[in-house]
């Protein structure tokens, strides 16, 4: 039996469903229909866009990752709204949320939880850490040491935590929304390859355009619009939306096209590390979520290529010569997409072909 949650995490975990309840919920939910899916998705995006001005594409990508059961890394300079975007998305879903501020002195047990000896029962009891939530905001993740960063590896891949030989399941849905400053900034540690490969997508918000920045100054004068955000869907509805994404049709041609893109990166002369098999699986999952957001029940090659940079670029390692020459991972992905032929009629189900 789990021990009481420590006070520091109690506020964010209030009402958190048990592991048995979450498992039963996941297995019993049927996918929502297309109309309900679109209504909920539009409501979530509208709420996010009222807080984050001029970043509609970024909001759509983060929602895509959530529906694809992945994790997202927001990388950019300080002050462009990375944490605000994560907090706004979390507020649109009526689920448990926790925020971890990563610092150099943060320990792995501060993330996953710790076993504490109970003198009354004469036994060790596990006390859950802040990672036991549906949405975990890992703020400035690259300010913590590699030892603490690695505490998220098992959580992100296997949705569980192992402490002192005991395994504790995380509830579904589960997403880590991490923010980080560029590694050239002072006091940061680069994420290792294994950590970056756990993130389905990486995106940079960039500075807003002049019009959006003026709107931001106007909307944020009397207070943060975040305070007015109310949940658009509950955890049951969000899980049903995810279930719909799982049912999106993917043709064999699209699967083969995705594999061809990945293999082309491994053979590219400018790369010393290409796309991993995990990255291709996540690329296809993201493409299914994107197709659902577009109102389709099947994936097109355009869905794959449109997400390829966000899903693959942060996993690729350039050859030293290519990096010195100014080549970027995005340049390599663009050249691969241009070189790999797209199969004719790929992705379109037989019922829609003429």
Protein backbone atom coordinates (compact mmCIF):
# COMPACT_ATOMS: atom_id res chain seq x y z
CA UNK A 1 0.00 0.00 0.00
CA UNK A 2 1.38 3.44 -0.94
CA UNK A 3 2.38 5.83 1.81
CA UNK A 4 0.79 9.29 2.11
CA UNK A 5 1.99 11.81 -0.43
CA UNK A 6 4.49 14.36 0.93
CA UNK A 7 3.16 17.90 1.49
CA UNK A 8 5.25 19.35 -1.35
CA UNK A 9 3.45 17.17 -3.89
CA UNK A 10 0.05 16.93 -2.24
CA UNK A 11 -1.37 20.05 -3.91
CA UNK A 12 -0.54 18.89 -7.42
CA UNK A 13 -1.65 15.30 -6.82
CA UNK A 14 -4.97 15.97 -5.10
CA UNK A 15 -7.56 13.61 -6.50
CA UNK A 16 -4.97 11.58 -8.43
CA UNK A 17 -6.52 8.23 -9.47
CA UNK A 18 -4.99 5.01 -8.22
CA UNK A 19 -2.95 2.89 -10.61
CA UNK A 20 -5.72 0.28 -10.78
CA UNK A 21 -8.31 2.95 -11.54
CA UNK A 22 -6.14 4.50 -14.25
CA UNK A 23 -5.48 1.12 -15.88
CA UNK A 24 -9.18 0.24 -15.88
CA UNK A 25 -10.04 3.66 -17.29
CA UNK A 26 -7.55 3.26 -20.13
CA UNK A 27 -8.80 -0.18 -21.09
CA UNK A 28 -12.52 0.61 -20.87
CA UNK A 29 -12.70 3.88 -22.80
CA UNK A 30 -13.93 3.87 -26.38
CA UNK A 31 -12.59 6.44 -28.85
CA UNK A 32 -14.60 9.64 -29.29
CA UNK A 33 -16.24 10.30 -32.63
CA UNK A 34 -14.69 12.68 -35.15
CA UNK A 35 -17.00 15.61 -34.32
CA UNK A 36 -16.37 15.43 -30.57
CA UNK A 37 -12.64 15.10 -31.20
CA UNK A 38 -12.53 18.22 -33.37
CA UNK A 39 -14.63 20.24 -30.92
CA UNK A 40 -12.40 19.34 -27.99
CA UNK A 41 -9.18 19.95 -29.94
CA UNK A 42 -10.36 23.34 -31.17
CA UNK A 43 -11.36 24.30 -27.63
CA UNK A 44 -7.94 23.37 -26.25
CA UNK A 45 -6.09 25.28 -28.97
CA UNK A 46 -8.33 28.33 -28.58
CA UNK A 47 -7.64 28.41 -24.84
CA UNK A 48 -3.88 28.11 -25.35
CA UNK A 49 -3.87 30.81 -28.02
CA UNK A 50 -5.56 33.29 -25.67
CA UNK A 51 -2.48 33.11 -23.43
CA UNK A 52 0.35 32.53 -25.92
CA UNK A 53 0.06 35.17 -28.62
CA UNK A 54 1.18 34.40 -32.17
CA UNK A 55 2.29 30.81 -31.58
CA UNK A 56 -0.57 28.79 -33.07
CA UNK A 57 1.76 26.29 -34.76
CA UNK A 58 3.65 25.64 -31.51
CA UNK A 59 0.42 25.08 -29.61
CA UNK A 60 -0.78 22.65 -32.28
CA UNK A 61 2.48 20.69 -32.16
CA UNK A 62 2.37 20.37 -28.36
CA UNK A 63 -1.23 19.12 -28.55
CA UNK A 64 -0.16 16.68 -31.27
CA UNK A 65 2.50 15.24 -28.96
CA UNK A 66 0.02 14.94 -26.10
CA UNK A 67 -2.48 13.04 -28.25
CA UNK A 68 0.32 10.83 -29.61
CA UNK A 69 1.33 9.85 -26.05
CA UNK A 70 4.76 11.41 -26.35
CA UNK A 71 6.83 14.03 -24.56
CA UNK A 72 7.89 17.45 -25.83
CA UNK A 73 11.02 19.54 -25.32
CA UNK A 74 10.63 23.32 -25.58
CA UNK A 75 14.04 24.86 -26.29
CA UNK A 76 14.65 28.57 -26.57
CA UNK A 77 16.12 31.61 -24.87
CA UNK A 78 14.57 32.80 -21.57
CA UNK A 79 11.40 34.85 -21.60
CA UNK A 80 9.65 33.68 -24.77
CA UNK A 81 6.87 31.76 -23.01
CA UNK A 82 8.12 28.17 -22.80
CA UNK A 83 6.89 27.54 -19.25
CA UNK A 84 3.70 29.54 -19.87
CA UNK A 85 2.84 27.32 -22.85
CA UNK A 86 3.35 24.18 -20.76
CA UNK A 87 1.25 25.51 -17.87
CA UNK A 88 -1.54 26.68 -20.20
CA UNK A 89 -1.81 23.29 -21.90
CA UNK A 90 -1.94 21.60 -18.51
CA UNK A 91 -4.79 23.84 -17.39
CA UNK A 92 -6.95 22.99 -20.39
CA UNK A 93 -7.21 19.38 -19.16
CA UNK A 94 -8.82 18.57 -15.84
CA UNK A 95 -6.04 16.26 -14.66
CA UNK A 96 -3.21 16.21 -12.15
CA UNK A 97 -0.30 18.55 -12.84
CA UNK A 98 3.07 18.97 -11.17
CA UNK A 99 5.96 21.30 -11.88
CA UNK A 100 9.59 20.47 -11.15
CA UNK A 101 12.13 23.29 -11.12
CA UNK A 102 15.38 21.65 -12.16
CA UNK A 103 18.44 23.06 -10.37
CA UNK A 104 22.06 21.84 -10.01
CA UNK A 105 21.39 20.51 -6.48
CA UNK A 106 18.22 18.57 -7.40
CA UNK A 107 18.48 14.84 -6.63
CA UNK A 108 16.84 11.92 -8.49
CA UNK A 109 14.74 11.14 -5.41
CA UNK A 110 13.34 14.69 -5.56
CA UNK A 111 11.82 13.69 -8.90
CA UNK A 112 10.75 10.06 -8.52
CA UNK A 113 10.12 9.80 -4.78
CA UNK A 114 11.86 8.11 -1.88
CA UNK A 115 11.40 5.21 0.53
CA UNK A 116 11.12 6.37 4.15
CA UNK A 117 11.25 4.16 7.23
CA UNK A 118 8.01 4.27 9.23
CA UNK A 119 8.80 3.69 12.90
CA UNK A 120 5.19 2.81 13.70
CA UNK A 121 4.89 0.03 11.12
CA UNK A 122 8.60 -0.87 11.17
CA UNK A 123 8.79 -0.90 7.41
CA UNK A 124 9.91 1.27 4.52
CA UNK A 125 7.14 3.08 2.67
CA UNK A 126 7.38 4.72 -0.71
CA UNK A 127 6.43 8.38 -0.91
CA UNK A 128 5.61 9.53 -4.41
CA UNK A 129 7.57 12.33 -6.05
CA UNK A 130 6.18 15.03 -8.34
CA UNK A 131 6.60 12.79 -11.39
CA UNK A 132 3.39 11.02 -10.31
CA UNK A 133 1.06 13.28 -12.27
CA UNK A 134 -0.62 13.27 -15.67
CA UNK A 135 1.22 16.38 -16.87
CA UNK A 136 4.74 16.93 -15.53
CA UNK A 137 6.33 20.29 -16.31
CA UNK A 138 10.11 19.88 -16.13
CA UNK A 139 11.26 23.49 -16.05
CA UNK A 140 14.80 24.23 -17.24
CA UNK A 141 15.62 20.53 -17.35
CA UNK A 142 19.20 21.11 -18.49
CA UNK A 143 20.11 23.00 -15.32
CA UNK A 144 20.20 19.72 -13.39
CA UNK A 145 23.05 17.24 -13.45
CA UNK A 146 23.04 14.20 -15.75
CA UNK A 147 22.31 11.99 -12.72
CA UNK A 148 19.08 13.83 -12.01
CA UNK A 149 18.12 14.09 -15.68
CA UNK A 150 18.40 10.29 -15.94
CA UNK A 151 15.70 9.92 -13.26
CA UNK A 152 13.19 10.64 -16.03
CA UNK A 153 14.43 7.97 -18.45
CA UNK A 154 12.35 5.10 -17.07
CA UNK A 155 9.37 7.38 -16.43
CA UNK A 156 9.24 8.66 -19.99
CA UNK A 157 9.79 5.35 -21.77
CA UNK A 158 8.06 2.78 -19.56
CA UNK A 159 5.64 4.98 -17.58
CA UNK A 160 6.86 3.57 -14.29
CA UNK A 161 9.28 4.30 -11.45
CA UNK A 162 11.58 1.76 -9.82
CA UNK A 163 12.86 2.66 -6.36
CA UNK A 164 14.61 0.27 -3.96
CA UNK A 165 13.55 -2.72 -6.03
CA UNK A 166 9.88 -1.75 -6.10
CA UNK A 167 8.11 -0.75 -9.32
CA UNK A 168 5.36 1.88 -9.23
CA UNK A 169 3.21 2.52 -12.30
CA UNK A 170 2.35 6.02 -13.50
CA UNK A 171 -1.22 6.80 -14.49
CA UNK A 172 -2.33 7.51 -18.03
CA UNK A 173 -2.28 9.81 -19.83
CA UNK A 174 1.27 10.84 -18.94
CA UNK A 175 3.31 13.55 -20.65
CA UNK A 176 6.51 15.37 -19.74
CA UNK A 177 6.65 18.93 -21.06
CA UNK A 178 10.25 20.02 -20.53
CA UNK A 179 11.79 23.42 -21.13
CA UNK A 180 15.45 24.18 -21.57
CA UNK A 181 17.68 27.10 -22.44
CA UNK A 182 20.25 26.70 -25.24
CA UNK A 183 23.38 24.89 -24.05
CA UNK A 184 25.47 27.98 -24.73
CA UNK A 185 23.75 29.68 -21.78
CA UNK A 186 25.61 29.73 -18.45
CA UNK A 187 24.81 27.04 -15.88
CA UNK A 188 23.35 24.48 -18.30
CA UNK A 189 24.21 20.86 -19.03
CA UNK A 190 23.55 19.33 -22.46
CA UNK A 191 20.99 16.54 -22.47
CA UNK A 192 22.57 13.15 -23.30
CA UNK A 193 21.50 11.35 -26.47
CA UNK A 194 19.41 8.80 -24.55
CA UNK A 195 17.45 11.61 -22.88
CA UNK A 196 16.84 13.54 -26.10
CA UNK A 197 15.66 10.36 -27.83
CA UNK A 198 12.87 10.03 -25.24
CA UNK A 199 11.31 13.31 -26.39
CA UNK A 200 8.93 12.83 -29.28
CA UNK A 201 9.41 16.39 -30.51
CA UNK A 202 11.45 19.49 -29.91
CA UNK A 203 10.37 22.97 -30.83
CA UNK A 204 11.61 26.51 -30.46
CA UNK A 205 9.05 29.23 -29.87
CA UNK A 206 11.15 32.12 -31.09
CA UNK A 207 10.25 35.76 -30.62
CA UNK A 208 6.67 36.82 -31.47
CA UNK A 209 6.04 39.16 -34.36
CA UNK A 210 5.43 42.84 -33.65
CA UNK A 211 1.64 42.60 -33.76
CA UNK A 212 1.54 39.61 -31.40
CA UNK A 213 3.93 41.35 -29.02
CA UNK A 214 1.69 44.42 -28.89
CA UNK A 215 -1.29 42.16 -28.14
CA UNK A 216 0.72 40.49 -25.39
CA UNK A 217 1.47 43.85 -23.78
CA UNK A 218 -2.23 44.72 -23.91
CA UNK A 219 -3.55 41.38 -22.63
CA UNK A 220 -1.07 41.00 -19.80
CA UNK A 221 -1.42 44.51 -18.34
CA UNK A 222 -4.00 43.74 -15.65
CA UNK A 223 -2.83 40.21 -14.89
CA UNK A 224 -2.00 36.89 -16.48
CA UNK A 225 -4.62 35.45 -18.86
CA UNK A 226 -3.57 32.07 -17.50
CA UNK A 227 -5.73 32.69 -14.43
CA UNK A 228 -8.88 32.72 -16.56
CA UNK A 229 -8.16 29.38 -18.24
CA UNK A 230 -10.57 26.62 -17.24
CA UNK A 231 -10.42 22.95 -18.23
CA UNK A 232 -11.80 22.19 -21.68
CA UNK A 233 -11.84 18.40 -21.27
CA UNK A 234 -11.51 16.00 -18.38
CA UNK A 235 -9.09 13.12 -18.05
CA UNK A 236 -11.69 10.69 -19.41
CA UNK A 237 -12.30 12.80 -22.52
CA UNK A 238 -8.56 13.29 -23.07
CA UNK A 239 -8.01 9.53 -22.82
CA UNK A 240 -10.82 8.94 -25.33
CA UNK A 241 -9.19 11.41 -27.74
CA UNK A 242 -5.91 9.51 -27.42
CA UNK A 243 -7.80 6.27 -28.10
CA UNK A 244 -9.12 7.77 -31.35
CA UNK A 245 -5.58 8.65 -32.43
CA UNK A 246 -4.50 5.04 -31.90
CA UNK A 247 -7.20 3.93 -34.37
CA UNK A 248 -6.05 6.21 -37.20
CA UNK A 249 -5.30 4.16 -40.32
CA UNK A 250 -1.71 3.92 -41.60
CA UNK A 251 -1.09 2.19 -44.91
CA UNK A 252 1.87 -0.10 -45.56
CA UNK A 253 3.16 2.43 -48.10
CA UNK A 254 3.34 5.18 -45.47
CA UNK A 255 5.10 2.84 -43.06
CA UNK A 256 7.66 1.93 -45.71
CA UNK A 257 8.11 5.60 -46.59
CA UNK A 258 8.76 6.46 -42.94
CA UNK A 259 11.36 3.70 -42.66
CA UNK A 260 13.02 4.90 -45.88
CA UNK A 261 13.39 8.39 -44.42
CA UNK A 262 14.93 7.01 -41.24
CA UNK A 263 17.37 4.73 -43.06
CA UNK A 264 18.41 7.61 -45.32
CA UNK A 265 19.49 9.62 -42.28
CA UNK A 266 21.65 6.72 -41.07
CA UNK A 267 23.43 6.60 -44.41
CA UNK A 268 23.81 10.37 -44.83
CA UNK A 269 27.47 11.47 -45.07
CA UNK A 270 26.90 14.54 -42.89
CA UNK A 271 25.62 12.52 -39.93
CA UNK A 272 27.42 10.29 -37.43
CA UNK A 273 24.15 9.33 -35.72
CA UNK A 274 20.92 8.94 -37.66
CA UNK A 275 17.30 8.39 -36.65
CA UNK A 276 16.70 5.57 -34.17
CA UNK A 277 13.94 2.98 -34.54
CA UNK A 278 12.21 4.64 -31.57
CA UNK A 279 12.21 7.95 -33.42
CA UNK A 280 10.46 6.40 -36.45
CA UNK A 281 7.82 4.86 -34.22
CA UNK A 282 7.23 8.22 -32.58
CA UNK A 283 7.19 9.99 -35.94
CA UNK A 284 4.37 7.73 -37.11
CA UNK A 285 2.45 8.19 -33.86
CA UNK A 286 2.76 11.95 -34.19
CA UNK A 287 1.60 11.75 -37.81
CA UNK A 288 -1.52 9.86 -36.69
CA UNK A 289 -2.32 12.58 -34.14
CA UNK A 290 -1.72 15.30 -36.72
CA UNK A 291 -4.02 13.55 -39.20
CA UNK A 292 -6.73 13.36 -36.54
CA UNK A 293 -6.38 17.09 -35.85
CA UNK A 294 -6.76 17.70 -39.59
CA UNK A 295 -10.06 15.82 -39.52
CA UNK A 296 -8.82 12.69 -41.30
CA UNK A 297 -8.90 9.07 -40.19
CA UNK A 298 -5.83 8.11 -42.23
CA UNK A 299 -2.20 9.28 -42.47
CA UNK A 300 -0.69 10.88 -45.57
CA UNK A 301 3.04 11.18 -46.40
CA UNK A 302 2.64 14.93 -45.93
CA UNK A 303 1.82 14.30 -42.27
CA UNK A 304 5.12 12.45 -41.90
CA UNK A 305 7.26 15.01 -43.71
CA UNK A 306 5.54 17.92 -41.99
CA UNK A 307 6.58 16.58 -38.58
CA UNK A 308 9.95 15.10 -39.55
CA UNK A 309 12.01 18.11 -38.50
CA UNK A 310 10.33 18.50 -35.09
CA UNK A 311 10.57 14.76 -34.34
CA UNK A 312 13.97 13.88 -35.80
CA UNK A 313 16.25 16.94 -35.75
CA UNK A 314 17.12 16.87 -32.04
CA UNK A 315 18.16 13.20 -32.26
CA UNK A 316 20.66 13.57 -35.11
CA UNK A 317 24.37 14.14 -34.55
CA UNK A 318 26.34 15.91 -37.27
CA UNK A 319 29.81 15.02 -38.43
CA UNK A 320 32.33 17.53 -37.16
CA UNK A 321 33.18 18.68 -40.68
CA UNK A 322 29.52 19.30 -41.51
CA UNK A 323 28.92 21.23 -38.28
CA UNK A 324 31.93 23.47 -38.95
CA UNK A 325 30.62 24.13 -42.45
CA UNK A 326 27.36 25.41 -40.96
CA UNK A 327 25.15 22.46 -41.88
CA UNK A 328 22.28 21.84 -39.49
CA UNK A 329 20.22 18.76 -38.71
CA UNK A 330 17.23 20.50 -40.29
CA UNK A 331 19.23 20.91 -43.53
CA UNK A 332 19.95 17.19 -43.57
CA UNK A 333 16.29 16.30 -42.98
CA UNK A 334 15.21 18.61 -45.80
CA UNK A 335 17.69 16.97 -48.18
CA UNK A 336 16.53 13.48 -47.17
CA UNK A 337 12.87 14.38 -47.75
CA UNK A 338 13.77 15.76 -51.17
CA UNK A 339 15.74 12.63 -52.10
CA UNK A 340 13.38 9.87 -50.89
CA UNK A 341 10.56 9.30 -53.42
CA UNK A 342 6.99 9.46 -52.15
CA UNK A 343 4.96 6.38 -53.10
CA UNK A 344 2.00 7.16 -55.34
CA UNK A 345 -1.42 7.19 -53.60
CA UNK A 346 0.36 6.44 -50.33
CA UNK A 347 -1.83 6.61 -47.27
CA UNK A 348 -5.21 6.98 -48.95
CA UNK A 349 -7.53 4.10 -48.04
CA UNK A 350 -8.96 2.05 -50.91
CA UNK A 351 -12.49 3.34 -50.20
CA UNK A 352 -11.40 6.92 -51.05
CA UNK A 353 -9.51 6.14 -54.25
CA UNK A 354 -11.16 6.71 -57.57
